[in-house]
N, C-alpha and C. Protein backbone atom coordinates (compact mmCIF):
# COMPACT_ATOMS: atom_id res chain seq x y z
N MET A 1 -8.60 -7.20 -20.45
CA MET A 1 -7.81 -7.95 -19.52
C MET A 1 -8.30 -9.39 -19.48
N LYS A 2 -7.37 -10.32 -19.59
CA LYS A 2 -7.76 -11.73 -19.64
C LYS A 2 -8.28 -12.23 -18.30
N TYR A 3 -7.60 -11.84 -17.19
CA TYR A 3 -8.03 -12.24 -15.85
C TYR A 3 -8.16 -10.99 -14.99
N PRO A 4 -9.03 -11.03 -13.97
CA PRO A 4 -9.15 -9.86 -13.08
C PRO A 4 -7.87 -9.64 -12.28
N ILE A 5 -7.65 -8.39 -11.89
CA ILE A 5 -6.46 -8.02 -11.13
C ILE A 5 -6.34 -8.85 -9.86
N ASN A 6 -7.45 -9.06 -9.15
CA ASN A 6 -7.36 -9.81 -7.89
C ASN A 6 -6.97 -11.27 -8.11
N SER A 7 -7.30 -11.85 -9.25
CA SER A 7 -6.87 -13.23 -9.53
C SER A 7 -5.36 -13.30 -9.76
N TYR A 8 -4.86 -12.36 -10.55
CA TYR A 8 -3.41 -12.28 -10.74
C TYR A 8 -2.71 -12.06 -9.39
N ALA A 9 -3.26 -11.15 -8.59
CA ALA A 9 -2.64 -10.79 -7.30
C ALA A 9 -2.59 -11.99 -6.36
N LYS A 10 -3.68 -12.75 -6.28
CA LYS A 10 -3.70 -13.92 -5.42
C LYS A 10 -2.68 -14.96 -5.89
N ALA A 11 -2.58 -15.16 -7.20
CA ALA A 11 -1.62 -16.12 -7.74
C ALA A 11 -0.18 -15.68 -7.44
N LEU A 12 0.09 -14.39 -7.62
CA LEU A 12 1.43 -13.88 -7.34
C LEU A 12 1.76 -14.01 -5.86
N ALA A 13 0.81 -13.69 -4.99
CA ALA A 13 1.04 -13.81 -3.54
C ALA A 13 1.31 -15.25 -3.16
N GLU A 14 0.56 -16.19 -3.71
CA GLU A 14 0.78 -17.61 -3.40
C GLU A 14 2.16 -18.07 -3.87
N ALA A 15 2.57 -17.59 -5.04
CA ALA A 15 3.90 -17.96 -5.55
C ALA A 15 4.99 -17.41 -4.64
N ILE A 16 4.81 -16.19 -4.16
CA ILE A 16 5.79 -15.58 -3.26
C ILE A 16 5.86 -16.33 -1.94
N LEU A 17 4.71 -16.79 -1.45
CA LEU A 17 4.66 -17.50 -0.17
C LEU A 17 5.10 -18.96 -0.26
N SER A 18 5.20 -19.49 -1.47
CA SER A 18 5.58 -20.90 -1.61
C SER A 18 6.98 -21.12 -1.03
N LYS A 19 7.16 -22.24 -0.38
CA LYS A 19 8.41 -22.56 0.31
C LYS A 19 9.59 -22.68 -0.65
N ASP A 20 9.35 -23.22 -1.84
CA ASP A 20 10.44 -23.44 -2.79
C ASP A 20 10.54 -22.34 -3.85
N GLY A 21 9.86 -21.21 -3.62
CA GLY A 21 9.83 -20.13 -4.60
C GLY A 21 11.15 -19.38 -4.73
N ASN A 22 11.68 -19.33 -5.95
CA ASN A 22 12.87 -18.55 -6.27
C ASN A 22 12.37 -17.19 -6.74
N SER A 23 12.70 -16.12 -6.04
CA SER A 23 12.13 -14.80 -6.34
C SER A 23 12.42 -14.34 -7.77
N LYS A 24 13.61 -14.61 -8.27
CA LYS A 24 13.94 -14.21 -9.66
C LYS A 24 13.08 -14.99 -10.66
N GLN A 25 12.88 -16.27 -10.39
CA GLN A 25 12.08 -17.09 -11.29
C GLN A 25 10.60 -16.68 -11.22
N ILE A 26 10.13 -16.37 -10.02
CA ILE A 26 8.74 -15.91 -9.87
C ILE A 26 8.54 -14.63 -10.67
N GLU A 27 9.50 -13.71 -10.56
CA GLU A 27 9.43 -12.44 -11.29
C GLU A 27 9.38 -12.68 -12.80
N LYS A 28 10.27 -13.54 -13.31
CA LYS A 28 10.29 -13.83 -14.75
C LYS A 28 8.99 -14.47 -15.21
N ASN A 29 8.50 -15.43 -14.43
CA ASN A 29 7.25 -16.10 -14.79
C ASN A 29 6.07 -15.14 -14.77
N PHE A 30 6.04 -14.28 -13.77
CA PHE A 30 4.96 -13.30 -13.64
C PHE A 30 4.93 -12.38 -14.87
N ILE A 31 6.08 -11.87 -15.25
CA ILE A 31 6.16 -10.97 -16.42
C ILE A 31 5.79 -11.72 -17.70
N ALA A 32 6.25 -12.96 -17.81
CA ALA A 32 5.94 -13.77 -18.99
C ALA A 32 4.43 -14.00 -19.13
N VAL A 33 3.77 -14.30 -18.03
CA VAL A 33 2.31 -14.51 -18.07
C VAL A 33 1.59 -13.23 -18.46
N LEU A 34 2.02 -12.10 -17.88
CA LEU A 34 1.38 -10.83 -18.23
C LEU A 34 1.57 -10.50 -19.71
N ARG A 35 2.78 -10.74 -20.23
CA ARG A 35 3.03 -10.49 -21.66
C ARG A 35 2.17 -11.40 -22.54
N LYS A 36 2.12 -12.66 -22.17
CA LYS A 36 1.35 -13.64 -22.95
C LYS A 36 -0.13 -13.24 -23.03
N ASN A 37 -0.64 -12.71 -21.92
CA ASN A 37 -2.05 -12.34 -21.86
C ASN A 37 -2.31 -10.89 -22.27
N GLY A 38 -1.25 -10.15 -22.58
CA GLY A 38 -1.42 -8.75 -22.99
C GLY A 38 -1.82 -7.83 -21.85
N ASP A 39 -1.45 -8.20 -20.64
CA ASP A 39 -1.86 -7.43 -19.46
C ASP A 39 -0.69 -6.70 -18.76
N GLU A 40 0.39 -6.47 -19.48
CA GLU A 40 1.57 -5.81 -18.89
C GLU A 40 1.25 -4.44 -18.32
N SER A 41 0.35 -3.73 -18.94
CA SER A 41 0.04 -2.36 -18.49
C SER A 41 -0.58 -2.34 -17.09
N HIS A 42 -1.05 -3.48 -16.62
CA HIS A 42 -1.69 -3.55 -15.30
C HIS A 42 -0.75 -4.09 -14.22
N ALA A 43 0.53 -4.24 -14.54
CA ALA A 43 1.49 -4.87 -13.61
C ALA A 43 1.52 -4.17 -12.26
N TRP A 44 1.60 -2.84 -12.23
CA TRP A 44 1.70 -2.14 -10.94
C TRP A 44 0.44 -2.29 -10.10
N LYS A 45 -0.70 -2.31 -10.76
CA LYS A 45 -1.96 -2.52 -10.02
C LYS A 45 -1.98 -3.93 -9.39
N ILE A 46 -1.50 -4.89 -10.16
CA ILE A 46 -1.46 -6.27 -9.68
C ILE A 46 -0.49 -6.41 -8.51
N ILE A 47 0.68 -5.80 -8.63
CA ILE A 47 1.67 -5.85 -7.55
C ILE A 47 1.13 -5.20 -6.29
N LYS A 48 0.47 -4.05 -6.45
CA LYS A 48 -0.11 -3.36 -5.28
C LYS A 48 -1.18 -4.24 -4.63
N GLU A 49 -2.01 -4.86 -5.43
CA GLU A 49 -3.06 -5.73 -4.89
C GLU A 49 -2.46 -6.97 -4.22
N SER A 50 -1.37 -7.50 -4.78
CA SER A 50 -0.73 -8.66 -4.16
C SER A 50 -0.10 -8.29 -2.81
N GLU A 51 0.39 -7.05 -2.67
CA GLU A 51 0.88 -6.59 -1.37
C GLU A 51 -0.23 -6.62 -0.33
N ILE A 52 -1.41 -6.20 -0.74
CA ILE A 52 -2.57 -6.21 0.16
C ILE A 52 -2.91 -7.65 0.57
N VAL A 53 -2.90 -8.56 -0.39
CA VAL A 53 -3.18 -9.98 -0.10
C VAL A 53 -2.15 -10.52 0.88
N LEU A 54 -0.86 -10.23 0.65
CA LEU A 54 0.20 -10.72 1.53
C LEU A 54 0.07 -10.13 2.93
N ARG A 55 -0.27 -8.84 3.04
CA ARG A 55 -0.45 -8.22 4.36
C ARG A 55 -1.61 -8.85 5.12
N LYS A 56 -2.68 -9.17 4.42
CA LYS A 56 -3.82 -9.82 5.07
C LYS A 56 -3.43 -11.19 5.60
N LYS A 57 -2.62 -11.92 4.84
CA LYS A 57 -2.22 -13.26 5.26
C LYS A 57 -1.31 -13.24 6.48
N ASP A 58 -0.39 -12.27 6.55
CA ASP A 58 0.53 -12.26 7.70
C ASP A 58 0.13 -11.28 8.80
N GLY A 59 -0.97 -10.56 8.61
CA GLY A 59 -1.51 -9.71 9.66
C GLY A 59 -0.79 -8.38 9.87
N THR A 60 0.10 -8.01 8.95
CA THR A 60 0.78 -6.72 9.10
C THR A 60 -0.07 -5.60 8.50
N LYS A 61 0.29 -4.38 8.86
CA LYS A 61 -0.42 -3.21 8.35
C LYS A 61 0.55 -2.33 7.57
N LYS A 62 -0.01 -1.59 6.62
CA LYS A 62 0.74 -0.55 5.93
C LYS A 62 0.09 0.77 6.33
N ILE A 63 0.88 1.62 6.95
CA ILE A 63 0.37 2.90 7.43
C ILE A 63 1.11 4.00 6.68
N VAL A 64 0.34 4.92 6.11
CA VAL A 64 0.93 6.05 5.40
C VAL A 64 0.58 7.32 6.14
N LEU A 65 1.60 8.04 6.58
CA LEU A 65 1.43 9.34 7.23
C LEU A 65 1.76 10.41 6.22
N ARG A 66 0.81 11.25 5.91
CA ARG A 66 1.06 12.39 5.03
C ARG A 66 0.89 13.65 5.87
N SER A 67 1.89 14.51 5.85
CA SER A 67 1.79 15.74 6.62
C SER A 67 2.14 16.93 5.73
N ALA A 68 1.66 18.09 6.14
CA ALA A 68 1.92 19.30 5.37
C ALA A 68 3.38 19.73 5.47
N ARG A 69 4.01 19.42 6.58
CA ARG A 69 5.42 19.78 6.83
C ARG A 69 6.17 18.54 7.31
N PRO A 70 7.50 18.56 7.25
CA PRO A 70 8.26 17.41 7.78
C PRO A 70 7.94 17.19 9.26
N LEU A 71 7.86 15.92 9.64
CA LEU A 71 7.52 15.57 11.01
C LEU A 71 8.70 15.83 11.95
N LYS A 72 8.39 16.33 13.15
CA LYS A 72 9.43 16.53 14.16
C LYS A 72 9.57 15.30 15.05
N LYS A 73 8.52 14.47 15.10
CA LYS A 73 8.54 13.24 15.88
C LYS A 73 8.62 12.04 14.94
N SER A 74 9.08 10.93 15.47
CA SER A 74 9.13 9.71 14.67
C SER A 74 7.71 9.14 14.52
N PRO A 75 7.48 8.34 13.46
CA PRO A 75 6.18 7.71 13.30
C PRO A 75 5.77 6.89 14.52
N LYS A 76 6.73 6.23 15.17
CA LYS A 76 6.44 5.42 16.36
C LYS A 76 5.91 6.30 17.49
N ASP A 77 6.48 7.52 17.65
CA ASP A 77 5.99 8.45 18.68
C ASP A 77 4.58 8.92 18.37
N ILE A 78 4.28 9.13 17.10
CA ILE A 78 2.96 9.62 16.70
C ILE A 78 1.90 8.52 16.80
N LEU A 79 2.23 7.34 16.31
CA LEU A 79 1.25 6.25 16.23
C LEU A 79 1.20 5.38 17.47
N GLY A 80 2.27 5.34 18.23
CA GLY A 80 2.29 4.56 19.47
C GLY A 80 1.99 3.09 19.24
N GLU A 81 1.01 2.57 19.99
CA GLU A 81 0.65 1.15 19.97
C GLU A 81 0.08 0.71 18.62
N MET A 82 -0.40 1.66 17.83
CA MET A 82 -1.02 1.32 16.55
C MET A 82 0.00 0.72 15.57
N LEU A 83 1.27 1.08 15.72
CA LEU A 83 2.32 0.61 14.83
C LEU A 83 3.04 -0.58 15.45
N GLY A 84 2.83 -1.76 14.87
CA GLY A 84 3.47 -2.98 15.37
C GLY A 84 4.88 -3.12 14.83
N PRO A 85 5.64 -4.07 15.37
CA PRO A 85 7.04 -4.23 14.96
C PRO A 85 7.22 -4.64 13.51
N GLU A 86 6.27 -5.36 12.94
CA GLU A 86 6.38 -5.83 11.56
C GLU A 86 5.65 -4.93 10.56
N ASP A 87 4.94 -3.93 11.06
CA ASP A 87 4.16 -3.06 10.19
C ASP A 87 5.07 -2.14 9.36
N VAL A 88 4.57 -1.76 8.21
CA VAL A 88 5.30 -0.87 7.31
C VAL A 88 4.71 0.53 7.46
N CYS A 89 5.58 1.52 7.64
CA CYS A 89 5.11 2.90 7.79
C CYS A 89 5.82 3.77 6.77
N GLU A 90 5.04 4.44 5.93
CA GLU A 90 5.58 5.38 4.96
C GLU A 90 5.24 6.79 5.42
N VAL A 91 6.19 7.69 5.28
CA VAL A 91 5.99 9.09 5.65
C VAL A 91 6.18 9.93 4.41
N ALA A 92 5.23 10.82 4.15
CA ALA A 92 5.33 11.69 2.98
C ALA A 92 4.95 13.11 3.36
N VAL A 93 5.61 14.07 2.75
CA VAL A 93 5.28 15.48 2.95
C VAL A 93 4.43 15.92 1.77
N SER A 94 3.25 16.46 2.06
CA SER A 94 2.32 16.94 1.03
C SER A 94 1.89 18.36 1.38
N PRO A 95 2.59 19.35 0.86
CA PRO A 95 2.25 20.75 1.18
C PRO A 95 0.80 21.12 0.83
N ASP A 96 0.20 20.37 -0.10
CA ASP A 96 -1.19 20.66 -0.47
C ASP A 96 -2.18 20.44 0.68
N LEU A 97 -1.76 19.78 1.76
CA LEU A 97 -2.63 19.59 2.93
C LEU A 97 -2.79 20.89 3.73
N ILE A 98 -1.97 21.87 3.48
CA ILE A 98 -1.92 23.18 4.13
C ILE A 98 -1.41 23.07 5.56
N ALA A 99 -2.06 22.28 6.39
CA ALA A 99 -1.64 22.05 7.78
C ALA A 99 -2.21 20.72 8.22
N GLY A 100 -1.62 20.11 9.24
CA GLY A 100 -2.13 18.85 9.78
C GLY A 100 -1.59 17.65 9.04
N MET A 101 -2.30 16.52 9.17
CA MET A 101 -1.85 15.28 8.54
C MET A 101 -3.01 14.35 8.26
N THR A 102 -2.74 13.37 7.40
CA THR A 102 -3.68 12.28 7.16
C THR A 102 -2.96 10.98 7.51
N ILE A 103 -3.72 10.01 8.00
CA ILE A 103 -3.19 8.69 8.31
C ILE A 103 -4.05 7.68 7.56
N THR A 104 -3.41 6.86 6.74
CA THR A 104 -4.12 5.84 5.98
C THR A 104 -3.59 4.47 6.40
N VAL A 105 -4.51 3.57 6.75
CA VAL A 105 -4.14 2.22 7.18
C VAL A 105 -4.66 1.23 6.14
N ASN A 106 -3.72 0.44 5.59
CA ASN A 106 -4.05 -0.61 4.62
C ASN A 106 -4.87 -0.10 3.43
N ASP A 107 -4.62 1.08 3.00
CA ASP A 107 -5.25 1.67 1.82
C ASP A 107 -6.76 1.83 1.92
N ASP A 108 -7.38 1.55 3.08
CA ASP A 108 -8.83 1.69 3.14
C ASP A 108 -9.33 2.49 4.34
N LEU A 109 -8.66 2.46 5.45
CA LEU A 109 -9.09 3.21 6.63
C LEU A 109 -8.31 4.51 6.66
N ARG A 110 -9.03 5.65 6.69
CA ARG A 110 -8.34 6.93 6.58
C ARG A 110 -8.83 7.92 7.62
N PHE A 111 -7.88 8.56 8.29
CA PHE A 111 -8.16 9.66 9.21
C PHE A 111 -7.61 10.92 8.54
N ASP A 112 -8.46 11.92 8.37
CA ASP A 112 -8.02 13.16 7.74
C ASP A 112 -8.08 14.29 8.78
N GLY A 113 -6.92 14.66 9.30
CA GLY A 113 -6.83 15.76 10.25
C GLY A 113 -6.15 16.96 9.64
N SER A 114 -6.30 17.11 8.31
CA SER A 114 -5.65 18.21 7.62
C SER A 114 -6.59 19.40 7.46
N LEU A 115 -6.01 20.56 7.31
CA LEU A 115 -6.80 21.76 7.09
C LEU A 115 -7.51 21.68 5.74
N LYS A 116 -6.83 21.14 4.74
CA LYS A 116 -7.46 20.98 3.42
C LYS A 116 -8.69 20.09 3.53
N GLY A 117 -8.61 19.00 4.30
CA GLY A 117 -9.76 18.11 4.48
C GLY A 117 -10.93 18.82 5.14
N LYS A 118 -10.63 19.65 6.13
CA LYS A 118 -11.70 20.39 6.82
C LYS A 118 -12.34 21.42 5.88
N ILE A 119 -11.52 22.10 5.09
CA ILE A 119 -12.05 23.08 4.13
C ILE A 119 -12.90 22.38 3.07
N ASP A 120 -12.39 21.27 2.53
CA ASP A 120 -13.15 20.51 1.54
C ASP A 120 -14.48 20.05 2.11
N LYS A 121 -14.50 19.63 3.37
CA LYS A 121 -15.73 19.16 4.02
C LYS A 121 -16.72 20.31 4.20
N MET A 122 -16.20 21.49 4.53
CA MET A 122 -17.09 22.66 4.71
C MET A 122 -17.80 23.03 3.41
N PHE A 123 -17.11 22.92 2.29
CA PHE A 123 -17.67 23.38 1.03
C PHE A 123 -18.26 22.28 0.16
N SER A 124 -18.40 21.07 0.72
CA SER A 124 -19.01 19.99 -0.07
C SER A 124 -20.46 19.81 0.29
């Protein structure tokens, strides 16, 4: 890789935040730079990292709720004050959790209230 992922991500985030940025042109330029440097295979990692950079700049959170079964309550009812108006909330059903749920905030803070997590903890 010619440049580290976080360098690409910061550059992409700055281009997106620029006042005169045309999103289609930013996309074309981004892909062109990756092709030129032979780093196309890392595009999704770079995009994911740039999302993190953008969230840090505007103070929003990305919260992922994974539950063993479909939720009966809305994410707002479950998370309450933790979920702000601009925050992004993804909900996913993961039967492999057996029971319960996990909550991940900004890809780094994680609460594991699943049965699978408790079983894994017992046997580790």
